[in-house]
C-alpha atoms as a PDB file:
ATOM      1  CA  MET A   1     215.295  -0.106 -70.946  1.00  0.00           C
ATOM      2  CA  PHE A   2     216.810   0.948 -73.422  1.00  0.00           C
ATOM      3  CA  ALA A   3     219.381   4.816 -73.843  1.00  0.00           C
ATOM      4  CA  LYS A   4     216.505   5.742 -76.251  1.00  0.00           C
ATOM      5  CA  ASN A   5     213.484   5.107 -73.114  1.00  0.00           C
ATOM      6  CA  ILE A   6     215.805   8.338 -71.415  1.00  0.00           C
ATOM      7  CA  MET A   7     217.148   9.945 -74.597  1.00  0.00           C
ATOM      8  CA  ILE A   8     215.668  13.760 -75.361  1.00  0.00           C
ATOM      9  CA  PRO A   9     214.509  13.864 -78.194  1.00  0.00           C
ATOM     10  CA  LYS A  10     216.239  16.778 -81.262  1.00  0.00           C
ATOM     11  CA  SER A  11     213.022  18.809 -81.124  1.00  0.00           C
ATOM     12  CA  GLN A  12     213.764  19.138 -77.567  1.00  0.00           C
ATOM     13  CA  CYS A  13     217.603  20.256 -78.110  1.00  0.00           C
ATOM     14  CA  PHE A  14     220.036  23.120 -77.928  1.00  0.00           C
ATOM     15  CA  TYR A  15     222.330  22.629 -80.312  1.00  0.00           C
ATOM     16  CA  VAL A  16     225.212  24.327 -82.708  1.00  0.00           C
ATOM     17  CA  HIS A  17     225.665  24.332 -86.180  1.00  0.00           C
ATOM     18  CA  ALA A  18     229.477  23.067 -87.774  1.00  0.00           C
ATOM     19  CA  GLU A  19     229.456  26.346 -88.972  1.00  0.00           C
ATOM     20  CA  ASP A  20     228.662  28.528 -85.959  1.00  0.00           C
ATOM     21  CA  SER A  21     231.518  30.902 -84.089  1.00  0.00           C
ATOM     22  CA  ILE A  22     232.873  29.549 -80.552  1.00  0.00           C
ATOM     23  CA  GLU A  23     231.889  33.381 -79.753  1.00  0.00           C
ATOM     24  CA  GLU A  24     228.170  32.348 -80.954  1.00  0.00           C
ATOM     25  CA  ALA A  25     228.173  28.068 -79.450  1.00  0.00           C
ATOM     26  CA  LEU A  26     229.161  30.160 -76.080  1.00  0.00           C
ATOM     27  CA  GLU A  27     225.896  32.774 -76.430  1.00  0.00           C
ATOM     28  CA  VAL A  28     223.531  29.424 -76.798  1.00  0.00           C
ATOM     29  CA  LEU A  29     225.871  27.433 -73.837  1.00  0.00           C
ATOM     30  CA  ARG A  30     225.165  30.289 -71.491  1.00  0.00           C
ATOM     31  CA  LYS A  31     222.152  30.934 -72.386  1.00  0.00           C
ATOM     32  CA  LYS A  32     220.981  27.914 -71.880  1.00  0.00           C
ATOM     33  CA  GLN A  33     223.117  27.234 -68.762  1.00  0.00           C
ATOM     34  CA  VAL A  34     223.921  23.762 -70.382  1.00  0.00           C
ATOM     35  CA  ASP A  35     227.180  21.595 -69.951  1.00  0.00           C
ATOM     36  CA  GLY A  36     227.499  20.782 -73.774  1.00  0.00           C
ATOM     37  CA  LEU A  37     225.608  21.143 -77.250  1.00  0.00           C
ATOM     38  CA  PRO A  38     224.967  18.641 -80.201  1.00  0.00           C
ATOM     39  CA  VAL A  39     227.388  19.707 -82.667  1.00  0.00           C
ATOM     40  CA  LEU A  40     225.291  19.784 -86.909  1.00  0.00           C
ATOM     41  CA  ASN A  41     226.395  19.995 -89.778  1.00  0.00           C
ATOM     42  CA  GLY A  42     222.180  20.090 -91.098  1.00  0.00           C
ATOM     43  CA  ASP A  43     221.092  16.698 -89.582  1.00  0.00           C
ATOM     44  CA  GLU A  44     224.395  15.367 -89.058  1.00  0.00           C
ATOM     45  CA  TYR A  45     225.995  15.263 -86.254  1.00  0.00           C
ATOM     46  CA  VAL A  46     229.282  16.480 -87.112  1.00  0.00           C
ATOM     47  CA  GLY A  47     230.517  16.065 -82.347  1.00  0.00           C
ATOM     48  CA  MET A  48     230.589  17.956 -79.072  1.00  0.00           C
ATOM     49  CA  ILE A  49     231.625  21.514 -77.472  1.00  0.00           C
ATOM     50  CA  THR A  50     231.787  22.564 -74.628  1.00  0.00           C
ATOM     51  CA  HIS A  51     232.952  25.111 -72.601  1.00  0.00           C
ATOM     52  CA  TYR A  52     235.563  22.839 -70.870  1.00  0.00           C
ATOM     53  CA  HIS A  53     236.745  21.718 -74.538  1.00  0.00           C
ATOM     54  CA  ILE A  54     236.517  26.172 -75.982  1.00  0.00           C
ATOM     55  CA  TYR A  55     238.702  27.448 -73.486  1.00  0.00           C
ATOM     56  CA  ARG A  56     241.406  24.392 -73.492  1.00  0.00           C
ATOM     57  CA  ASN A  57     241.407  24.688 -77.420  1.00  0.00           C
ATOM     58  CA  TYR A  58     241.869  28.489 -76.934  1.00  0.00           C
ATOM     59  CA  PHE A  59     245.136  28.782 -74.045  1.00  0.00           C
ATOM     60  CA  ASN A  60     246.719  25.956 -76.607  1.00  0.00           C
ATOM     61  CA  SER A  61     246.079  28.616 -79.428  1.00  0.00           C
ATOM     62  CA  GLU A  62     248.375  30.286 -80.802  1.00  0.00           C
ATOM     63  CA  LEU A  63     245.339  33.295 -81.410  1.00  0.00           C
ATOM     64  CA  ASN A  64     244.134  36.504 -78.937  1.00  0.00           C
ATOM     65  CA  LYS A  65     240.605  35.736 -77.420  1.00  0.00           C
ATOM     66  CA  GLU A  66     238.472  38.103 -80.153  1.00  0.00           C
ATOM     67  CA  GLU A  67     240.084  36.100 -83.294  1.00  0.00           C
ATOM     68  CA  TYR A  68     239.951  32.812 -82.101  1.00  0.00           C
ATOM     69  CA  LEU A  69     236.252  33.953 -80.763  1.00  0.00           C
ATOM     70  CA  LYS A  70     234.786  35.008 -84.538  1.00  0.00           C
ATOM     71  CA  THR A  71     236.988  32.965 -86.037  1.00  0.00           C
ATOM     72  CA  VAL A  72     237.180  29.531 -85.117  1.00  0.00           C
ATOM     73  CA  LYS A  73     234.309  27.192 -85.880  1.00  0.00           C
ATOM     74  CA  VAL A  74     232.808  25.267 -83.961  1.00  0.00           C
ATOM     75  CA  LYS A  75     233.658  21.505 -86.145  1.00  0.00           C
ATOM     76  CA  GLU A  76     237.005  22.866 -85.291  1.00  0.00           C
ATOM     77  CA  ILE A  77     237.454  21.468 -81.691  1.00  0.00           C
ATOM     78  CA  ALA A  78     233.682  19.986 -81.095  1.00  0.00           C
ATOM     79  CA  THR A  79     235.258  16.022 -79.675  1.00  0.00           C
ATOM     80  CA  HIS A  80     233.247  12.949 -79.388  1.00  0.00           C
ATOM     81  CA  GLN A  81     232.814  12.910 -82.742  1.00  0.00           C
ATOM     82  CA  GLU A  82     233.030   9.036 -82.873  1.00  0.00           C
ATOM     83  CA  ILE A  83     232.176   8.292 -79.001  1.00  0.00           C
ATOM     84  CA  PHE A  84     227.331   8.367 -79.575  1.00  0.00           C
ATOM     85  CA  PHE A  85     224.629   6.629 -79.056  1.00  0.00           C
ATOM     86  CA  GLN A  86     223.197   4.537 -81.945  1.00  0.00           C
ATOM     87  CA  GLY A  87     219.644   4.083 -79.380  1.00  0.00           C
ATOM     88  CA  ASN A  88     219.546   0.449 -78.122  1.00  0.00           C
ATOM     89  CA  GLU A  89     222.193   0.595 -75.687  1.00  0.00           C
ATOM     90  CA  ILE A  90     221.316  -1.291 -71.786  1.00  0.00           C
ATOM     91  CA  PHE A  91     220.217   2.397 -69.866  1.00  0.00           C
ATOM     92  CA  GLU A  92     222.808   0.670 -67.001  1.00  0.00           C
ATOM     93  CA  ASN A  93     225.607   0.906 -69.693  1.00  0.00           C
ATOM     94  CA  THR A  94     225.675   5.009 -69.403  1.00  0.00           C
ATOM     95  CA  LEU A  95     225.850   5.865 -66.491  1.00  0.00           C
ATOM     96  CA  VAL A  96     229.338   4.178 -67.524  1.00  0.00           C
ATOM     97  CA  GLU A  97     229.875   5.987 -69.973  1.00  0.00           C
ATOM     98  CA  LEU A  98     229.003   8.587 -69.373  1.00  0.00           C
ATOM     99  CA  LYS A  99     230.888   9.380 -65.622  1.00  0.00           C
ATOM    100  CA  ASP A 100     233.849  11.928 -67.824  1.00  0.00           C
ATOM    101  CA  PHE A 101     231.005  13.609 -70.380  1.00  0.00           C
ATOM    102  CA  PRO A 102     227.662  15.329 -69.872  1.00  0.00           C
ATOM    103  CA  LEU A 103     226.276  13.925 -71.498  1.00  0.00           C
ATOM    104  CA  PHE A 104     226.070  11.790 -75.440  1.00  0.00           C
ATOM    105  CA  ALA A 105     224.052  12.615 -78.579  1.00  0.00           C
ATOM    106  CA  VAL A 106     221.714   9.285 -80.792  1.00  0.00           C
ATOM    107  CA  VAL A 107     222.786   8.932 -84.146  1.00  0.00           C
ATOM    108  CA  ASP A 108     220.702   7.182 -86.236  1.00  0.00           C
ATOM    109  CA  GLU A 109     222.809   4.821 -88.380  1.00  0.00           C
ATOM    110  CA  ASN A 110     223.560   7.318 -91.105  1.00  0.00           C
ATOM    111  CA  ARG A 111     224.949   9.605 -88.483  1.00  0.00           C
ATOM    112  CA  LYS A 112     221.750  11.439 -88.366  1.00  0.00           C
ATOM    113  CA  PHE A 113     221.262  13.028 -85.235  1.00  0.00           C
ATOM    114  CA  LEU A 114     217.923  12.438 -83.168  1.00  0.00           C
ATOM    115  CA  GLY A 115     218.152  13.845 -79.732  1.00  0.00           C
ATOM    116  CA  VAL A 116     220.600  13.663 -76.088  1.00  0.00           C
ATOM    117  CA  VAL A 117     221.102  11.515 -72.778  1.00  0.00           C
ATOM    118  CA  THR A 118     222.192  13.368 -70.595  1.00  0.00           C
ATOM    119  CA  ARG A 119     224.213  12.133 -67.014  1.00  0.00           C
ATOM    120  CA  PHE A 120     221.915  13.818 -65.069  1.00  0.00           C
ATOM    121  CA  ASP A 121     218.349  12.290 -66.893  1.00  0.00           C
ATOM    122  CA  VAL A 122     220.417   9.412 -66.896  1.00  0.00           C
ATOM    123  CA  ILE A 123     221.145   9.984 -62.515  1.00  0.00           C
ATOM    124  CA  GLU A 124     217.379  10.546 -62.031  1.00  0.00           C
ATOM    125  CA  GLN A 125     216.603   6.644 -63.212  1.00  0.00           C
ATOM    126  CA  PHE A 126     219.169   5.284 -61.276  1.00  0.00           C
ATOM    127  CA  GLN A 127     217.700   7.302 -57.963  1.00  0.00           C
ATOM    128  CA  SER A 128     214.140   6.084 -59.401  1.00  0.00           C
ATOM    129  CA  ALA A 129     215.458   2.209 -59.204  1.00  0.00           C
ATOM    130  CA  PHE A 130     216.198   3.028 -55.688  1.00  0.00           C
ATOM    131  CA  GLY A 131     212.423   4.999 -54.537  1.00  0.00           C
ATOM    132  CA  ILE A 132     215.166   7.645 -53.591  1.00  0.00           C
ATOM    133  CA  LYS A 133     212.020  10.439 -53.768  1.00  0.00           C
ATOM    134  CA  ARG A 134     209.853   7.841 -52.216  1.00  0.00           C
ATOM    135  CA  PRO A 135     208.627   8.033 -48.571  1.00  0.00           C
ATOM    136  CA  GLY A 136     209.355   4.247 -47.065  1.00  0.00           C
ATOM    137  CA  ILE A 137     211.638   1.644 -45.041  1.00  0.00           C
ATOM    138  CA  ARG A 138     214.744   0.377 -46.022  1.00  0.00           C
ATOM    139  CA  ILE A 139     215.864  -2.508 -45.349  1.00  0.00           C
ATOM    140  CA  ALA A 140     219.433  -3.985 -46.801  1.00  0.00           C
ATOM    141  CA  PHE A 141     219.791  -8.180 -45.836  1.00  0.00           C
ATOM    142  CA  SER A 142     222.182 -10.630 -47.521  1.00  0.00           C
ATOM    143  CA  SER A 143     222.002 -13.552 -49.024  1.00  0.00           C
ATOM    144  CA  VAL A 144     223.901 -17.122 -49.895  1.00  0.00           C
ATOM    145  CA  GLU A 145     224.083 -17.705 -53.830  1.00  0.00           C
ATOM    146  CA  VAL A 146     221.202 -20.521 -54.299  1.00  0.00           C
ATOM    147  CA  GLU A 147     218.906 -21.320 -56.920  1.00  0.00           C
ATOM    148  CA  GLY A 148     216.037 -20.250 -55.082  1.00  0.00           C
ATOM    149  CA  ARG A 149     216.403 -17.387 -53.207  1.00  0.00           C
ATOM    150  CA  ILE A 150     214.925 -14.859 -54.680  1.00  0.00           C
ATOM    151  CA  ALA A 151     211.613 -16.451 -55.381  1.00  0.00           C
ATOM    152  CA  ARG A 152     211.111 -17.668 -52.090  1.00  0.00           C
ATOM    153  CA  LEU A 153     211.596 -13.822 -51.217  1.00  0.00           C
ATOM    154  CA  ALA A 154     208.893 -13.185 -53.852  1.00  0.00           C
ATOM    155  CA  ASN A 155     206.799 -15.388 -51.244  1.00  0.00           C
ATOM    156  CA  ILE A 156     207.315 -13.248 -48.466  1.00  0.00           C
ATOM    157  CA  ILE A 157     206.488 -10.591 -49.498  1.00  0.00           C
ATOM    158  CA  GLN A 158     203.451 -11.410 -50.968  1.00  0.00           C
ATOM    159  CA  GLN A 159     202.366 -12.920 -47.502  1.00  0.00           C
ATOM    160  CA  TYR A 160     202.589  -9.599 -46.162  1.00  0.00           C
ATOM    161  CA  HIS A 161     201.187  -7.397 -49.380  1.00  0.00           C
ATOM    162  CA  GLU A 162     204.138  -5.544 -48.472  1.00  0.00           C
ATOM    163  CA  SER A 163     203.466  -2.441 -51.366  1.00  0.00           C
ATOM    164  CA  VAL A 164     206.698  -2.380 -53.072  1.00  0.00           C
ATOM    165  CA  ILE A 165     208.637   1.231 -53.908  1.00  0.00           C
ATOM    166  CA  SER A 166     212.216  -0.885 -55.622  1.00  0.00           C
ATOM    167  CA  LEU A 167     214.353  -4.143 -55.065  1.00  0.00           C
ATOM    168  CA  VAL A 168     217.540  -4.032 -56.239  1.00  0.00           C
ATOM    169  CA  THR A 169     220.412  -7.258 -56.082  1.00  0.00           C
ATOM    170  CA  PHE A 170     223.757  -6.984 -56.376  1.00  0.00           C
ATOM    171  CA  ASP A 171     225.994  -8.820 -56.184  1.00  0.00           C
ATOM    172  CA  GLU A 172     229.873 -10.380 -54.631  1.00  0.00           C
ATOM    173  CA  THR A 173     230.485 -13.604 -56.064  1.00  0.00           C
ATOM    174  CA  ASP A 174     234.016 -14.481 -54.315  1.00  0.00           C
ATOM    175  CA  LYS A 175     232.268 -15.129 -51.894  1.00  0.00           C
ATOM    176  CA  LEU A 176     229.127 -16.332 -53.169  1.00  0.00           C
ATOM    177  CA  VAL A 177     226.461 -14.269 -51.044  1.00  0.00           C
ATOM    178  CA  ARG A 178     223.605 -11.117 -52.826  1.00  0.00           C
ATOM    179  CA  ARG A 179     222.977  -7.681 -51.279  1.00  0.00           C
ATOM    180  CA  ILE A 180     219.288  -7.572 -52.290  1.00  0.00           C
ATOM    181  CA  ILE A 181     218.163  -3.565 -51.080  1.00  0.00           C
ATOM    182  CA  LEU A 182     214.590  -3.431 -50.650  1.00  0.00           C
ATOM    183  CA  LYS A 183     212.638  -0.590 -50.346  1.00  0.00           C
ATOM    184  CA  ILE A 184     208.672  -0.717 -49.188  1.00  0.00           C
ATOM    185  CA  GLU A 185     206.206   1.380 -48.446  1.00  0.00           C
ATOM    186  CA  LYS A 186     206.413   2.149 -44.558  1.00  0.00           C
ATOM    187  CA  ARG A 187     203.489  -0.521 -42.456  1.00  0.00           C
ATOM    188  CA  ASP A 188     202.972  -1.833 -39.093  1.00  0.00           C
ATOM    189  CA  ASN A 189     204.240  -4.604 -39.062  1.00  0.00           C
ATOM    190  CA  ILE A 190     207.473  -4.464 -40.815  1.00  0.00           C
ATOM    191  CA  LYS A 191     208.788  -6.471 -37.099  1.00  0.00           C
ATOM    192  CA  LYS A 192     207.093  -9.419 -38.550  1.00  0.00           C
ATOM    193  CA  PHE A 193     208.018  -9.281 -41.910  1.00  0.00           C
ATOM    194  CA  THR A 194     212.004  -8.760 -40.706  1.00  0.00           C
ATOM    195  CA  ASP A 195     211.596 -11.785 -39.008  1.00  0.00           C
ATOM    196  CA  SER A 196     210.160 -14.002 -41.041  1.00  0.00           C
ATOM    197  CA  LEU A 197     213.277 -13.389 -44.229  1.00  0.00           C
ATOM    198  CA  GLU A 198     215.522 -13.480 -41.242  1.00  0.00           C
ATOM    199  CA  ASP A 199     213.462 -17.584 -40.184  1.00  0.00           C
ATOM    200  CA  ALA A 200     213.928 -18.177 -44.457  1.00  0.00           C
ATOM    201  CA  GLY A 201     217.193 -17.024 -44.189  1.00  0.00           C
ATOM    202  CA  PHE A 202     218.021 -13.718 -44.688  1.00  0.00           C
ATOM    203  CA  ARG A 203     220.650 -12.395 -43.040  1.00  0.00           C
ATOM    204  CA  ILE A 204     219.092  -8.256 -42.452  1.00  0.00           C
ATOM    205  CA  LEU A 205     221.806  -5.534 -42.393  1.00  0.00           C
ATOM    206  CA  ASN A 206     220.056  -1.943 -41.958  1.00  0.00           C
ATOM    207  CA  ILE A 207     216.778  -1.101 -41.612  1.00  0.00           C
ATOM    208  CA  THR A 208     216.445   2.364 -42.471  1.00  0.00           C
ATOM    209  CA  GLU A 209     212.818   4.419 -43.014  1.00  0.00           C
ATOM    210  CA  ASP A 210     213.469   8.484 -45.486  1.00  0.00           C
END
């Protein structure tokens, strides 16, 4: 999955124009209840503006409040002018980029604004990957990192006809151990299934129902 797959398209985005005043930008931020807004010059992406940067720039300016709100243009304080996605970024990397900022613009090779990727939507996708919103049995286990272990796991899952909600693996390369979190639909054969996992060399760490 790529960043473009979770992008909110321009037609569904809130944004402000480069020549808008800070007062106008604040009105949109408050009315739409969003953390940040793309700044556009026509179709061209100029940068981002947030409550935080508006207030920070005000306190660092020598203008009174009314003068600052009415005379300063959003393009003058926009951030992230050269920080954006182009849509082909690997989905997993977007959370790292977004950990310190609520949203990134997505632009084409000519800086034409296409939409935004938000931290909220990225986290929603990670929750989906872990099956957090679906009830089931979550099994955490580990395995020595040798060739064919995932294939062996797949065979056991198939043998017991388990319905997999999510499967996520984590590597501990210093110990040559792979940690695995498997979430399956609740059934009466969980004991037999986990016994088979242990017989195959998988070490059960935790079993929870959610």
